[in-house]
Amino acid sequence: MFGAWAVNSWSLGVAIRSQLTTTWGKIGLLFLILAGMGEAMAAVFDITHPLHTVADGLGIPCLPVAAMLICIQLSRRPAWYPAKKMLLWTANLTWVSVVIAAGTFVLLLVTYSQAGGDLNASSTSVTVLPAGTIGLVGWANRLLVVLYCVWAVTVAWQSIRLAPSIKGDPQLMVSSRRNNQREGAPALPL
């Protein structure tokens, strides 16, 4: 699953790179590539391997940064205007999911400690959580993955819809479309 997710991130970067012309857009693309590296590492190193933590450190924070930087730039391009609201909503949901995941982790630690759990115990020695521990971290992580994928699908779908009209300079293509519509020529579907 993580391998496919990494390929998804990198493919999305290839698909939209011509649309990312500003410095911030290119930085967003770099963060998307880094997120893909984290996802690929998570595919190779399971949760018990020390490098899985490095994978988390790359994949989890880099994707929301990429989503925000990329979507802010794309939403300012005329060809992407129709999808502006959806792009920004899904981009914001990526970082909201990180906040939710962090909150559930804090909740787990606090309730585990209050239930008498030893915070210094190794993770391998704890096989059962004490009664009263609220463990929602797994659900929050799943929500995070789903919302990251929803963002990627949203951007990819809009990119696919625009592909026929974005050959060459997208700004010129949009201007050309508007002129053709005024002259009675059929409009290309977005």
Foldseek 3Di string as FASTA:
>chain_A
DLLVVLVLLVVLLVLCVVLQDDPLLVVLSVLSNQLSVLSNQCVVDPPVDPCVVVSCVSNLPSLLSSLVSNLVSQCPQPLCVVCNVVSNVLSVVLVVLVVVLVVLVVQQVVQQVVLPHDPPDDPVVDDDGHPRGDHCNVVSVVSNVVSSVSNSCSSVVSSVQCVVQPDDPNNVSVVVQVVCVVVVHDHDGD
